[in-house]
Amino acid sequence: MSILSQCFPPSPSFTEKELPDQTGKVALVTGSASGVGLELAKILYSRNATVYIGARSSSRVQTGFQAIQAAHPSSKGRLEAFVVDLADLESVKRAVDNFLKREEKLHVLVHNAGVMMPPEGSKTTQGYDLMMGTNCLAPFLLTKLLEPILRRTAIAEGAAKKPFKAVRVVFVGSLLTSFGKPRGGVTLTEDGVPSDEYKGMDRYMQTKFGDVFLGAGFAKALGDDGILSVSLHPGLMKTELQRNMPAVASMAIGVVFKSAKYGAYTELYAGFSPKLTGADNGEFFIPWGRKGVIPGHARTSLKSKTEGGTEVADRFFAWCQQETRKYL
């Protein structure tokens, strides 16, 4: 798909009107106290789902609750708190432990939260680059910790007969292009560590390609259980993600970009559309709910060496595994 097609996509084909009743379904959406995540949570709650609102603090979760309940006061759904600081891997472990005490199923996990271009040198609690830690390491750990309940849910929902329908994991990437840096999506050192040579938008894009690689990696890891794992570019929207951008750029974005609800439609399609099948496992989706194409330089990273690729995606997945092992 061309960049122009992603910047100016056709109308969404899967919205709240097409979403069936979600009574009994459980969804966890990170970063859902505002922006795209909030809009997705509103849609799911309007169709009676149990929605866990992921945010950094209880106060932000409560703000999300109020906005969602005000939008859909007649819903028979349930809202629950998932307080997590994705810049702290210990916090991820605590949040999952609390979740598992309350729920026996998890149908859809949406890694919506992220950070974009914070001040140079920003670090996570464990000392990782803030964007790499928040956008990649924390979502990886969160998925690994939730693997058992995802697998149990798939079995309970009859994944053996209808695979890839009921249980899904969605990683949110960005607008992927065939030009710019880093080439190959993620640059790894000889030791298999993501390079810290990039600054600004290039550093951010390395983490977003990383999310695409994680989507493909978990597709391999969970596919045999009938669990669909995908990644996506939600669309060009005005959200809190641009809060660290210069005022002039932020103003221009506000004029040109769509509202956050459109990005929610992209995530809704990936997480809930019945049209997705096993052929879509590990794929990349674009606004406002269409299959996209990963740029050639990054597709090479997804391939094994016997396929003519570089295996960078597998090596990146292995690095995430190594760095989060102590929290599993």
C-alpha atoms as a PDB file:
ATOM      1  CA  MET A   1       0.000   0.000   0.000  1.00  0.00           C
ATOM      2  CA  SER A   2       1.284   3.473  -0.850  1.00  0.00           C
ATOM      3  CA  ILE A   3       1.952   6.076   1.816  1.00  0.00           C
ATOM      4  CA  LEU A   4      -0.739   8.228   0.220  1.00  0.00           C
ATOM      5  CA  SER A   5      -3.273   5.425   0.707  1.00  0.00           C
ATOM      6  CA  GLN A   6      -2.361   5.184   4.386  1.00  0.00           C
ATOM      7  CA  CYS A   7      -2.523   8.944   4.888  1.00  0.00           C
ATOM      8  CA  PHE A   8      -5.880   9.245   3.132  1.00  0.00           C
ATOM      9  CA  PRO A   9      -7.556   5.845   3.556  1.00  0.00           C
ATOM     10  CA  PRO A  10     -11.085   4.870   2.537  1.00  0.00           C
ATOM     11  CA  SER A  11     -13.885   4.850   5.099  1.00  0.00           C
ATOM     12  CA  PRO A  12     -13.678   2.132   7.793  1.00  0.00           C
ATOM     13  CA  SER A  13     -15.562  -1.057   6.976  1.00  0.00           C
ATOM     14  CA  PHE A  14     -15.747  -2.450  10.530  1.00  0.00           C
ATOM     15  CA  THR A  15     -17.134  -0.105  13.198  1.00  0.00           C
ATOM     16  CA  GLU A  16     -19.287  -0.357  16.308  1.00  0.00           C
ATOM     17  CA  LYS A  17     -22.237  -0.996  14.003  1.00  0.00           C
ATOM     18  CA  GLU A  18     -20.674  -4.239  12.762  1.00  0.00           C
ATOM     19  CA  LEU A  19     -19.329  -5.366  16.154  1.00  0.00           C
ATOM     20  CA  PRO A  20     -21.585  -8.045  17.688  1.00  0.00           C
ATOM     21  CA  ASP A  21     -22.538  -8.106  21.336  1.00  0.00           C
ATOM     22  CA  GLN A  22     -19.462  -8.709  23.508  1.00  0.00           C
ATOM     23  CA  THR A  23     -21.142  -9.971  26.663  1.00  0.00           C
ATOM     24  CA  GLY A  24     -18.759 -12.359  28.405  1.00  0.00           C
ATOM     25  CA  LYS A  25     -15.731 -11.168  26.436  1.00  0.00           C
ATOM     26  CA  VAL A  26     -12.723  -9.698  28.244  1.00  0.00           C
ATOM     27  CA  ALA A  27     -10.395  -7.164  26.624  1.00  0.00           C
ATOM     28  CA  LEU A  28      -7.296  -5.450  27.984  1.00  0.00           C
ATOM     29  CA  VAL A  29      -6.308  -2.205  26.282  1.00  0.00           C
ATOM     30  CA  THR A  30      -3.174  -0.388  27.434  1.00  0.00           C
ATOM     31  CA  GLY A  31      -3.154   3.386  27.228  1.00  0.00           C
ATOM     32  CA  SER A  32      -6.946   3.467  27.242  1.00  0.00           C
ATOM     33  CA  ALA A  33      -7.545   6.431  29.538  1.00  0.00           C
ATOM     34  CA  SER A  34      -7.197   8.788  26.577  1.00  0.00           C
ATOM     35  CA  GLY A  35      -6.769   8.958  22.808  1.00  0.00           C
ATOM     36  CA  VAL A  36      -7.205   5.937  20.555  1.00  0.00           C
ATOM     37  CA  GLY A  37      -7.280   3.484  23.445  1.00  0.00           C
ATOM     38  CA  LEU A  38     -10.092   5.383  25.128  1.00  0.00           C
ATOM     39  CA  GLU A  39     -12.124   5.389  21.915  1.00  0.00           C
ATOM     40  CA  LEU A  40     -11.617   1.644  21.492  1.00  0.00           C
ATOM     41  CA  ALA A  41     -12.646   1.061  25.110  1.00  0.00           C
ATOM     42  CA  LYS A  42     -15.811   3.099  24.544  1.00  0.00           C
ATOM     43  CA  ILE A  43     -16.749   0.956  21.552  1.00  0.00           C
ATOM     44  CA  LEU A  44     -16.145  -2.315  23.389  1.00  0.00           C
ATOM     45  CA  TYR A  45     -18.019  -1.162  26.496  1.00  0.00           C
ATOM     46  CA  SER A  46     -20.933   0.001  24.346  1.00  0.00           C
ATOM     47  CA  ARG A  47     -21.243  -3.607  23.164  1.00  0.00           C
ATOM     48  CA  ASN A  48     -21.217  -4.928  26.768  1.00  0.00           C
ATOM     49  CA  ALA A  49     -17.637  -6.195  26.998  1.00  0.00           C
ATOM     50  CA  THR A  50     -15.534  -6.347  30.142  1.00  0.00           C
ATOM     51  CA  VAL A  51     -12.781  -3.819  29.435  1.00  0.00           C
ATOM     52  CA  TYR A  52      -9.621  -3.408  31.471  1.00  0.00           C
ATOM     53  CA  ILE A  53      -8.465   0.192  31.243  1.00  0.00           C
ATOM     54  CA  GLY A  54      -4.673   0.295  31.221  1.00  0.00           C
ATOM     55  CA  ALA A  55      -3.077   3.501  32.487  1.00  0.00           C
ATOM     56  CA  ARG A  56      -0.175   4.732  34.602  1.00  0.00           C
ATOM     57  CA  SER A  57      -2.194   5.676  37.671  1.00  0.00           C
ATOM     58  CA  SER A  58      -5.503   5.035  39.383  1.00  0.00           C
ATOM     59  CA  SER A  59      -6.510   8.658  38.807  1.00  0.00           C
ATOM     60  CA  ARG A  60      -6.032   8.298  35.045  1.00  0.00           C
ATOM     61  CA  VAL A  61      -7.989   5.051  35.074  1.00  0.00           C
ATOM     62  CA  GLN A  62     -10.848   6.793  36.895  1.00  0.00           C
ATOM     63  CA  THR A  63     -10.803   9.595  34.329  1.00  0.00           C
ATOM     64  CA  GLY A  64     -11.154   6.950  31.633  1.00  0.00           C
ATOM     65  CA  PHE A  65     -13.995   5.250  33.518  1.00  0.00           C
ATOM     66  CA  GLN A  66     -15.924   8.508  33.742  1.00  0.00           C
ATOM     67  CA  ALA A  67     -15.563   9.309  30.047  1.00  0.00           C
ATOM     68  CA  ILE A  68     -16.599   5.796  28.981  1.00  0.00           C
ATOM     69  CA  GLN A  69     -19.582   5.551  31.319  1.00  0.00           C
ATOM     70  CA  ALA A  70     -20.782   9.012  30.345  1.00  0.00           C
ATOM     71  CA  ALA A  71     -20.674   8.032  26.670  1.00  0.00           C
ATOM     72  CA  HIS A  72     -22.581   4.765  27.201  1.00  0.00           C
ATOM     73  CA  PRO A  73     -24.622   4.925  30.420  1.00  0.00           C
ATOM     74  CA  SER A  74     -26.903   2.033  29.443  1.00  0.00           C
ATOM     75  CA  SER A  75     -24.115  -0.482  28.812  1.00  0.00           C
ATOM     76  CA  LYS A  76     -24.260  -3.820  30.589  1.00  0.00           C
ATOM     77  CA  GLY A  77     -20.499  -4.149  30.302  1.00  0.00           C
ATOM     78  CA  ARG A  78     -17.911  -3.919  33.044  1.00  0.00           C
ATOM     79  CA  LEU A  79     -14.949  -1.590  33.460  1.00  0.00           C
ATOM     80  CA  GLU A  80     -11.899  -2.657  35.442  1.00  0.00           C
ATOM     81  CA  ALA A  81      -8.597  -1.004  36.306  1.00  0.00           C
ATOM     82  CA  PHE A  82      -5.243  -2.159  34.994  1.00  0.00           C
ATOM     83  CA  VAL A  83      -2.777   0.204  36.627  1.00  0.00           C
ATOM     84  CA  VAL A  84       0.615  -0.243  35.006  1.00  0.00           C
ATOM     85  CA  ASP A  85       3.692   1.862  34.350  1.00  0.00           C
ATOM     86  CA  LEU A  86       5.122   0.457  31.124  1.00  0.00           C
ATOM     87  CA  ALA A  87       8.402   2.193  31.891  1.00  0.00           C
ATOM     88  CA  ASP A  88       8.857  -0.184  34.828  1.00  0.00           C
ATOM     89  CA  LEU A  89       8.962  -3.947  34.227  1.00  0.00           C
ATOM     90  CA  GLU A  90       8.252  -4.644  37.896  1.00  0.00           C
ATOM     91  CA  SER A  91       5.014  -2.697  37.506  1.00  0.00           C
ATOM     92  CA  VAL A  92       4.041  -4.895  34.545  1.00  0.00           C
ATOM     93  CA  LYS A  93       4.502  -8.016  36.666  1.00  0.00           C
ATOM     94  CA  ARG A  94       2.399  -6.576  39.515  1.00  0.00           C
ATOM     95  CA  ALA A  95      -0.383  -5.503  37.175  1.00  0.00           C
ATOM     96  CA  VAL A  96      -0.615  -8.950  35.590  1.00  0.00           C
ATOM     97  CA  ASP A  97      -0.616 -10.658  38.992  1.00  0.00           C
ATOM     98  CA  ASN A  98      -3.589  -8.493  40.014  1.00  0.00           C
ATOM     99  CA  PHE A  99      -5.375  -9.201  36.743  1.00  0.00           C
ATOM    100  CA  LEU A 100      -4.973 -12.959  37.073  1.00  0.00           C
ATOM    101  CA  LYS A 101      -6.541 -12.862  40.527  1.00  0.00           C
ATOM    102  CA  ARG A 102      -9.706 -11.403  39.012  1.00  0.00           C
ATOM    103  CA  GLU A 103     -10.135 -13.034  35.608  1.00  0.00           C
ATOM    104  CA  GLU A 104     -10.228 -16.551  34.195  1.00  0.00           C
ATOM    105  CA  LYS A 105     -10.295 -15.472  30.541  1.00  0.00           C
ATOM    106  CA  LEU A 106      -8.720 -12.889  28.260  1.00  0.00           C
ATOM    107  CA  HIS A 107      -9.957 -12.664  24.695  1.00  0.00           C
ATOM    108  CA  VAL A 108      -8.160  -9.658  23.250  1.00  0.00           C
ATOM    109  CA  LEU A 109      -4.967  -7.889  24.338  1.00  0.00           C
ATOM    110  CA  VAL A 110      -4.300  -4.557  22.626  1.00  0.00           C
ATOM    111  CA  HIS A 111      -0.869  -2.976  23.109  1.00  0.00           C
ATOM    112  CA  ASN A 112      -2.096   0.528  22.368  1.00  0.00           C
ATOM    113  CA  ALA A 113       0.064   2.544  24.777  1.00  0.00           C
ATOM    114  CA  GLY A 114       3.338   4.085  23.693  1.00  0.00           C
ATOM    115  CA  VAL A 115       5.669   7.025  24.036  1.00  0.00           C
ATOM    116  CA  MET A 116       6.993   9.154  21.189  1.00  0.00           C
ATOM    117  CA  MET A 117      10.093  11.350  21.186  1.00  0.00           C
ATOM    118  CA  PRO A 118      10.534  12.158  24.890  1.00  0.00           C
ATOM    119  CA  PRO A 119      13.524  14.321  25.897  1.00  0.00           C
ATOM    120  CA  GLU A 120      16.828  12.805  24.738  1.00  0.00           C
ATOM    121  CA  GLY A 121      18.334  10.502  27.334  1.00  0.00           C
ATOM    122  CA  SER A 122      15.004   9.515  28.907  1.00  0.00           C
ATOM    123  CA  LYS A 123      15.253   6.099  30.570  1.00  0.00           C
ATOM    124  CA  THR A 124      12.962   3.479  32.077  1.00  0.00           C
ATOM    125  CA  THR A 125      13.194   2.422  35.708  1.00  0.00           C
ATOM    126  CA  GLN A 126      15.488  -0.438  34.654  1.00  0.00           C
ATOM    127  CA  GLY A 127      17.723   1.908  32.619  1.00  0.00           C
ATOM    128  CA  TYR A 128      16.548   1.147  29.074  1.00  0.00           C
ATOM    129  CA  ASP A 129      15.872   3.815  26.493  1.00  0.00           C
ATOM    130  CA  LEU A 130      12.384   5.048  27.410  1.00  0.00           C
ATOM    131  CA  MET A 131      10.862   4.404  23.988  1.00  0.00           C
ATOM    132  CA  MET A 132      12.394   0.950  23.600  1.00  0.00           C
ATOM    133  CA  GLY A 133      11.382  -0.045  27.117  1.00  0.00           C
ATOM    134  CA  THR A 134       7.846   1.312  26.938  1.00  0.00           C
ATOM    135  CA  ASN A 135       7.034   0.452  23.335  1.00  0.00           C
ATOM    136  CA  CYS A 136       8.681  -2.971  23.080  1.00  0.00           C
ATOM    137  CA  LEU A 137      10.052  -4.557  26.252  1.00  0.00           C
ATOM    138  CA  ALA A 138       6.971  -3.923  28.383  1.00  0.00           C
ATOM    139  CA  PRO A 139       4.494  -5.176  25.735  1.00  0.00           C
ATOM    140  CA  PHE A 140       6.671  -8.267  25.237  1.00  0.00           C
ATOM    141  CA  LEU A 141       6.698  -8.997  28.967  1.00  0.00           C
ATOM    142  CA  LEU A 142       2.986  -8.302  29.286  1.00  0.00           C
ATOM    143  CA  THR A 143       2.204 -10.778  26.509  1.00  0.00           C
ATOM    144  CA  LYS A 144       4.501 -13.459  27.937  1.00  0.00           C
ATOM    145  CA  LEU A 145       2.956 -13.144  31.381  1.00  0.00           C
ATOM    146  CA  LEU A 146      -0.533 -13.408  29.901  1.00  0.00           C
ATOM    147  CA  GLU A 147       0.280 -16.330  27.583  1.00  0.00           C
ATOM    148  CA  PRO A 148      -1.203 -18.978  29.918  1.00  0.00           C
ATOM    149  CA  ILE A 149      -4.584 -17.253  30.239  1.00  0.00           C
ATOM    150  CA  LEU A 150      -4.667 -16.525  26.507  1.00  0.00           C
ATOM    151  CA  ARG A 151      -4.063 -20.205  25.776  1.00  0.00           C
ATOM    152  CA  ARG A 152      -6.716 -21.316  28.284  1.00  0.00           C
ATOM    153  CA  THR A 153      -9.203 -18.894  26.775  1.00  0.00           C
ATOM    154  CA  ALA A 154      -8.505 -20.182  23.281  1.00  0.00           C
ATOM    155  CA  ILE A 155      -9.215 -23.737  24.424  1.00  0.00           C
ATOM    156  CA  ALA A 156     -12.393 -22.690  26.228  1.00  0.00           C
ATOM    157  CA  GLU A 157     -13.619 -20.777  23.171  1.00  0.00           C
ATOM    158  CA  GLY A 158     -13.127 -23.730  20.849  1.00  0.00           C
ATOM    159  CA  ALA A 159     -10.054 -22.539  18.971  1.00  0.00           C
ATOM    160  CA  ALA A 160      -9.471 -26.072  17.722  1.00  0.00           C
ATOM    161  CA  LYS A 161     -12.605 -25.775  15.566  1.00  0.00           C
ATOM    162  CA  LYS A 162     -12.529 -22.030  14.911  1.00  0.00           C
ATOM    163  CA  PRO A 163      -8.904 -20.882  15.226  1.00  0.00           C
ATOM    164  CA  PHE A 164      -7.846 -17.223  15.223  1.00  0.00           C
ATOM    165  CA  LYS A 165     -11.348 -15.925  15.890  1.00  0.00           C
ATOM    166  CA  ALA A 166     -11.827 -15.474  19.625  1.00  0.00           C
ATOM    167  CA  VAL A 167      -8.371 -14.750  21.046  1.00  0.00           C
ATOM    168  CA  ARG A 168      -6.033 -12.124  19.630  1.00  0.00           C
ATOM    169  CA  VAL A 169      -2.994 -10.003  20.466  1.00  0.00           C
ATOM    170  CA  VAL A 170      -2.575  -6.650  18.734  1.00  0.00           C
ATOM    171  CA  PHE A 171       0.658  -4.646  18.603  1.00  0.00           C
ATOM    172  CA  VAL A 172       0.428  -1.011  17.547  1.00  0.00           C
ATOM    173  CA  GLY A 173       3.177   0.105  15.189  1.00  0.00           C
ATOM    174  CA  SER A 174       3.246   3.186  12.990  1.00  0.00           C
ATOM    175  CA  LEU A 175       3.379   4.400   9.403  1.00  0.00           C
ATOM    176  CA  LEU A 176       6.066   2.179   7.876  1.00  0.00           C
ATOM    177  CA  THR A 177       7.924   3.456   4.825  1.00  0.00           C
ATOM    178  CA  SER A 178      10.383   2.062   2.333  1.00  0.00           C
ATOM    179  CA  PHE A 179      12.775   4.934   2.990  1.00  0.00           C
ATOM    180  CA  GLY A 180      14.385   6.486   6.061  1.00  0.00           C
ATOM    181  CA  LYS A 181      16.073   4.814   9.015  1.00  0.00           C
ATOM    182  CA  PRO A 182      16.694   2.351  10.410  1.00  0.00           C
ATOM    183  CA  ARG A 183      17.146   0.082   7.424  1.00  0.00           C
ATOM    184  CA  GLY A 184      15.888  -3.384   8.221  1.00  0.00           C
ATOM    185  CA  GLY A 185      13.545  -1.915  10.839  1.00  0.00           C
ATOM    186  CA  VAL A 186      15.779  -2.604  13.820  1.00  0.00           C
ATOM    187  CA  THR A 187      19.560  -2.330  13.911  1.00  0.00           C
ATOM    188  CA  LEU A 188      21.249  -4.828  16.227  1.00  0.00           C
ATOM    189  CA  THR A 189      24.815  -4.822  17.501  1.00  0.00           C
ATOM    190  CA  GLU A 190      27.012  -7.920  17.206  1.00  0.00           C
ATOM    191  CA  ASP A 191      25.757  -8.862  20.676  1.00  0.00           C
ATOM    192  CA  GLY A 192      22.140  -8.730  19.489  1.00  0.00           C
ATOM    193  CA  VAL A 193      21.286  -5.504  21.318  1.00  0.00           C
ATOM    194  CA  PRO A 194      19.225  -2.759  19.605  1.00  0.00           C
ATOM    195  CA  SER A 195      21.517   0.038  18.495  1.00  0.00           C
ATOM    196  CA  ASP A 196      21.431   3.333  20.380  1.00  0.00           C
ATOM    197  CA  GLU A 197      22.863   5.286  17.442  1.00  0.00           C
ATOM    198  CA  TYR A 198      19.529   6.774  16.417  1.00  0.00           C
ATOM    199  CA  LYS A 199      17.916   9.963  17.683  1.00  0.00           C
ATOM    200  CA  GLY A 200      14.453  11.478  17.603  1.00  0.00           C
ATOM    201  CA  MET A 201      12.048  10.032  15.056  1.00  0.00           C
ATOM    202  CA  ASP A 202      14.536   7.378  13.869  1.00  0.00           C
ATOM    203  CA  ARG A 203      14.808   6.050  17.430  1.00  0.00           C
ATOM    204  CA  TYR A 204      11.027   6.026  17.718  1.00  0.00           C
ATOM    205  CA  MET A 205      10.618   4.217  14.407  1.00  0.00           C
ATOM    206  CA  GLN A 206      13.062   1.524  15.494  1.00  0.00           C
ATOM    207  CA  THR A 207      10.680   0.711  18.356  1.00  0.00           C
ATOM    208  CA  LYS A 208       7.650   0.728  16.039  1.00  0.00           C
ATOM    209  CA  PHE A 209       9.317  -1.714  13.665  1.00  0.00           C
ATOM    210  CA  GLY A 210      10.131  -3.641  16.816  1.00  0.00           C
ATOM    211  CA  ASP A 211       6.405  -3.887  17.544  1.00  0.00           C
ATOM    212  CA  VAL A 212       5.832  -5.302  14.065  1.00  0.00           C
ATOM    213  CA  PHE A 213       8.529  -7.882  14.749  1.00  0.00           C
ATOM    214  CA  LEU A 214       6.900  -8.770  18.067  1.00  0.00           C
ATOM    215  CA  GLY A 215       3.561  -9.239  16.350  1.00  0.00           C
ATOM    216  CA  ALA A 216       5.197 -11.668  13.931  1.00  0.00           C
ATOM    217  CA  GLY A 217       7.132 -13.394  16.723  1.00  0.00           C
ATOM    218  CA  PHE A 218       4.077 -14.050  18.850  1.00  0.00           C
ATOM    219  CA  ALA A 219       2.241 -15.239  15.741  1.00  0.00           C
ATOM    220  CA  LYS A 220       4.793 -18.057  15.616  1.00  0.00           C
ATOM    221  CA  ALA A 221       4.689 -18.656  19.364  1.00  0.00           C
ATOM    222  CA  LEU A 222       0.902 -18.692  19.783  1.00  0.00           C
ATOM    223  CA  GLY A 223      -0.373 -19.699  16.365  1.00  0.00           C
ATOM    224  CA  ASP A 224      -0.536 -23.419  17.120  1.00  0.00           C
ATOM    225  CA  ASP A 225      -3.048 -22.597  19.854  1.00  0.00           C
ATOM    226  CA  GLY A 226      -5.314 -20.738  17.427  1.00  0.00           C
ATOM    227  CA  ILE A 227      -4.355 -17.325  18.802  1.00  0.00           C
ATOM    228  CA  LEU A 228      -4.000 -14.535  16.253  1.00  0.00           C
ATOM    229  CA  SER A 229      -1.155 -12.043  16.707  1.00  0.00           C
ATOM    230  CA  VAL A 230      -0.902  -9.022  14.412  1.00  0.00           C
ATOM    231  CA  SER A 231       0.507  -5.508  14.211  1.00  0.00           C
ATOM    232  CA  LEU A 232      -0.891  -2.351  12.681  1.00  0.00           C
ATOM    233  CA  HIS A 233      -0.539   1.282  11.779  1.00  0.00           C
ATOM    234  CA  PRO A 234      -3.602   2.860  13.450  1.00  0.00           C
ATOM    235  CA  GLY A 235      -3.594   5.932  11.201  1.00  0.00           C
ATOM    236  CA  LEU A 236      -2.587   9.571  11.313  1.00  0.00           C
ATOM    237  CA  MET A 237      -4.438  11.175  14.211  1.00  0.00           C
ATOM    238  CA  LYS A 238      -4.148  13.924  16.740  1.00  0.00           C
ATOM    239  CA  THR A 239      -3.557  12.272  20.142  1.00  0.00           C
ATOM    240  CA  GLU A 240      -1.512  12.694  23.331  1.00  0.00           C
ATOM    241  CA  LEU A 241       1.273  10.751  21.612  1.00  0.00           C
ATOM    242  CA  GLN A 242       2.429  14.021  20.037  1.00  0.00           C
ATOM    243  CA  ARG A 243       2.618  15.847  23.356  1.00  0.00           C
ATOM    244  CA  ASN A 244       6.419  16.128  23.155  1.00  0.00           C
ATOM    245  CA  MET A 245       6.465  17.507  19.603  1.00  0.00           C
ATOM    246  CA  PRO A 246       7.166  21.205  18.839  1.00  0.00           C
ATOM    247  CA  ALA A 247       4.086  23.473  19.036  1.00  0.00           C
ATOM    248  CA  VAL A 248       4.085  24.283  15.317  1.00  0.00           C
ATOM    249  CA  ALA A 249       4.188  20.607  14.320  1.00  0.00           C
ATOM    250  CA  SER A 250       1.492  19.751  16.845  1.00  0.00           C
ATOM    251  CA  MET A 251      -0.732  22.513  15.458  1.00  0.00           C
ATOM    252  CA  ALA A 252      -0.312  21.280  11.889  1.00  0.00           C
ATOM    253  CA  ILE A 253      -1.157  17.741  12.994  1.00  0.00           C
ATOM    254  CA  GLY A 254      -4.347  19.004  14.622  1.00  0.00           C
ATOM    255  CA  VAL A 255      -5.492  20.499  11.326  1.00  0.00           C
ATOM    256  CA  VAL A 256      -4.629  17.603   8.987  1.00  0.00           C
ATOM    257  CA  PHE A 257      -5.031  14.437  11.083  1.00  0.00           C
ATOM    258  CA  LYS A 258      -8.243  12.581  11.930  1.00  0.00           C
ATOM    259  CA  SER A 259      -9.814  12.139  15.358  1.00  0.00           C
ATOM    260  CA  ALA A 260      -8.700   9.305  17.607  1.00  0.00           C
ATOM    261  CA  LYS A 261     -11.869   7.319  16.953  1.00  0.00           C
ATOM    262  CA  TYR A 262     -10.651   6.461  13.450  1.00  0.00           C
ATOM    263  CA  GLY A 263      -7.531   4.848  14.887  1.00  0.00           C
ATOM    264  CA  ALA A 264      -9.788   2.871  17.202  1.00  0.00           C
ATOM    265  CA  TYR A 265     -11.520   1.468  14.113  1.00  0.00           C
ATOM    266  CA  THR A 266      -8.171   0.128  12.862  1.00  0.00           C
ATOM    267  CA  GLU A 267      -7.552  -1.575  16.205  1.00  0.00           C
ATOM    268  CA  LEU A 268     -11.144  -2.823  16.323  1.00  0.00           C
ATOM    269  CA  TYR A 269     -10.733  -4.457  12.920  1.00  0.00           C
ATOM    270  CA  ALA A 270      -7.510  -6.200  13.911  1.00  0.00           C
ATOM    271  CA  GLY A 271      -8.829  -7.358  17.272  1.00  0.00           C
ATOM    272  CA  PHE A 272     -12.423  -8.244  16.486  1.00  0.00           C
ATOM    273  CA  SER A 273     -13.252  -8.535  12.793  1.00  0.00           C
ATOM    274  CA  PRO A 274     -14.491 -12.031  11.892  1.00  0.00           C
ATOM    275  CA  LYS A 275     -12.924 -11.624   8.453  1.00  0.00           C
ATOM    276  CA  LEU A 276      -9.427 -12.305   9.791  1.00  0.00           C
ATOM    277  CA  THR A 277      -8.218 -15.891   9.458  1.00  0.00           C
ATOM    278  CA  GLY A 278      -5.081 -17.927  10.008  1.00  0.00           C
ATOM    279  CA  ALA A 279      -3.712 -16.462   6.774  1.00  0.00           C
ATOM    280  CA  ASP A 280      -3.590 -13.104   8.594  1.00  0.00           C
ATOM    281  CA  ASN A 281      -1.544 -14.366  11.534  1.00  0.00           C
ATOM    282  CA  GLY A 282       1.570 -12.215  11.903  1.00  0.00           C
ATOM    283  CA  GLU A 283       0.385  -9.710   9.299  1.00  0.00           C
ATOM    284  CA  PHE A 284       0.387  -5.914   9.352  1.00  0.00           C
ATOM    285  CA  PHE A 285      -2.771  -3.810   9.044  1.00  0.00           C
ATOM    286  CA  ILE A 286      -3.337  -0.200   8.013  1.00  0.00           C
ATOM    287  CA  PRO A 287      -6.076   2.444   8.391  1.00  0.00           C
ATOM    288  CA  TRP A 288      -8.921   2.097   8.880  1.00  0.00           C
ATOM    289  CA  GLY A 289      -8.917  -1.708   8.801  1.00  0.00           C
ATOM    290  CA  ARG A 290      -7.099  -3.189   5.776  1.00  0.00           C
ATOM    291  CA  LYS A 291      -4.196  -5.553   5.298  1.00  0.00           C
ATOM    292  CA  GLY A 292      -1.009  -3.630   4.595  1.00  0.00           C
ATOM    293  CA  VAL A 293       2.447  -4.418   3.290  1.00  0.00           C
ATOM    294  CA  ILE A 294       5.626  -4.281   5.359  1.00  0.00           C
ATOM    295  CA  PRO A 295       8.406  -2.439   3.458  1.00  0.00           C
ATOM    296  CA  GLY A 296      10.867  -4.697   1.668  1.00  0.00           C
ATOM    297  CA  HIS A 297      13.857  -3.770   3.816  1.00  0.00           C
ATOM    298  CA  ALA A 298      11.956  -4.901   6.934  1.00  0.00           C
ATOM    299  CA  ARG A 299      10.496  -8.010   5.298  1.00  0.00           C
ATOM    300  CA  THR A 300      14.082  -9.192   4.854  1.00  0.00           C
ATOM    301  CA  SER A 301      14.486  -8.951   8.634  1.00  0.00           C
ATOM    302  CA  LEU A 302      11.453 -11.184   9.114  1.00  0.00           C
ATOM    303  CA  LYS A 303      12.849 -13.967   6.935  1.00  0.00           C
ATOM    304  CA  SER A 304      15.235 -16.713   7.964  1.00  0.00           C
ATOM    305  CA  LYS A 305      18.657 -16.969   6.369  1.00  0.00           C
ATOM    306  CA  THR A 306      17.518 -20.014   4.396  1.00  0.00           C
ATOM    307  CA  GLU A 307      14.800 -17.789   2.938  1.00  0.00           C
ATOM    308  CA  GLY A 308      17.330 -15.140   2.012  1.00  0.00           C
ATOM    309  CA  GLY A 309      16.670 -12.997   5.075  1.00  0.00           C
ATOM    310  CA  THR A 310      18.678 -11.693   8.019  1.00  0.00           C
ATOM    311  CA  GLU A 311      16.652 -13.110  10.952  1.00  0.00           C
ATOM    312  CA  VAL A 312      16.813  -9.720  12.669  1.00  0.00           C
ATOM    313  CA  ALA A 313      13.188 -10.056  13.837  1.00  0.00           C
ATOM    314  CA  ASP A 314      13.924 -13.377  15.551  1.00  0.00           C
ATOM    315  CA  ARG A 315      17.048 -11.947  17.142  1.00  0.00           C
ATOM    316  CA  PHE A 316      15.116  -8.929  18.397  1.00  0.00           C
ATOM    317  CA  PHE A 317      12.464 -11.240  19.855  1.00  0.00           C
ATOM    318  CA  ALA A 318      15.239 -13.207  21.578  1.00  0.00           C
ATOM    319  CA  TRP A 319      16.702  -9.986  23.027  1.00  0.00           C
ATOM    320  CA  CYS A 320      13.312  -9.050  24.493  1.00  0.00           C
ATOM    321  CA  GLN A 321      13.068 -12.548  25.963  1.00  0.00           C
ATOM    322  CA  GLN A 322      16.504 -12.273  27.514  1.00  0.00           C
ATOM    323  CA  GLU A 323      15.942  -8.831  29.028  1.00  0.00           C
ATOM    324  CA  THR A 324      12.578  -9.718  30.602  1.00  0.00           C
ATOM    325  CA  ARG A 325      13.331 -13.274  31.759  1.00  0.00           C
ATOM    326  CA  LYS A 326      13.818 -12.316  35.400  1.00  0.00           C
ATOM    327  CA  TYR A 327      10.242 -10.972  35.560  1.00  0.00           C
ATOM    328  CA  LEU A 328       8.577 -14.112  34.197  1.00  0.00           C
END
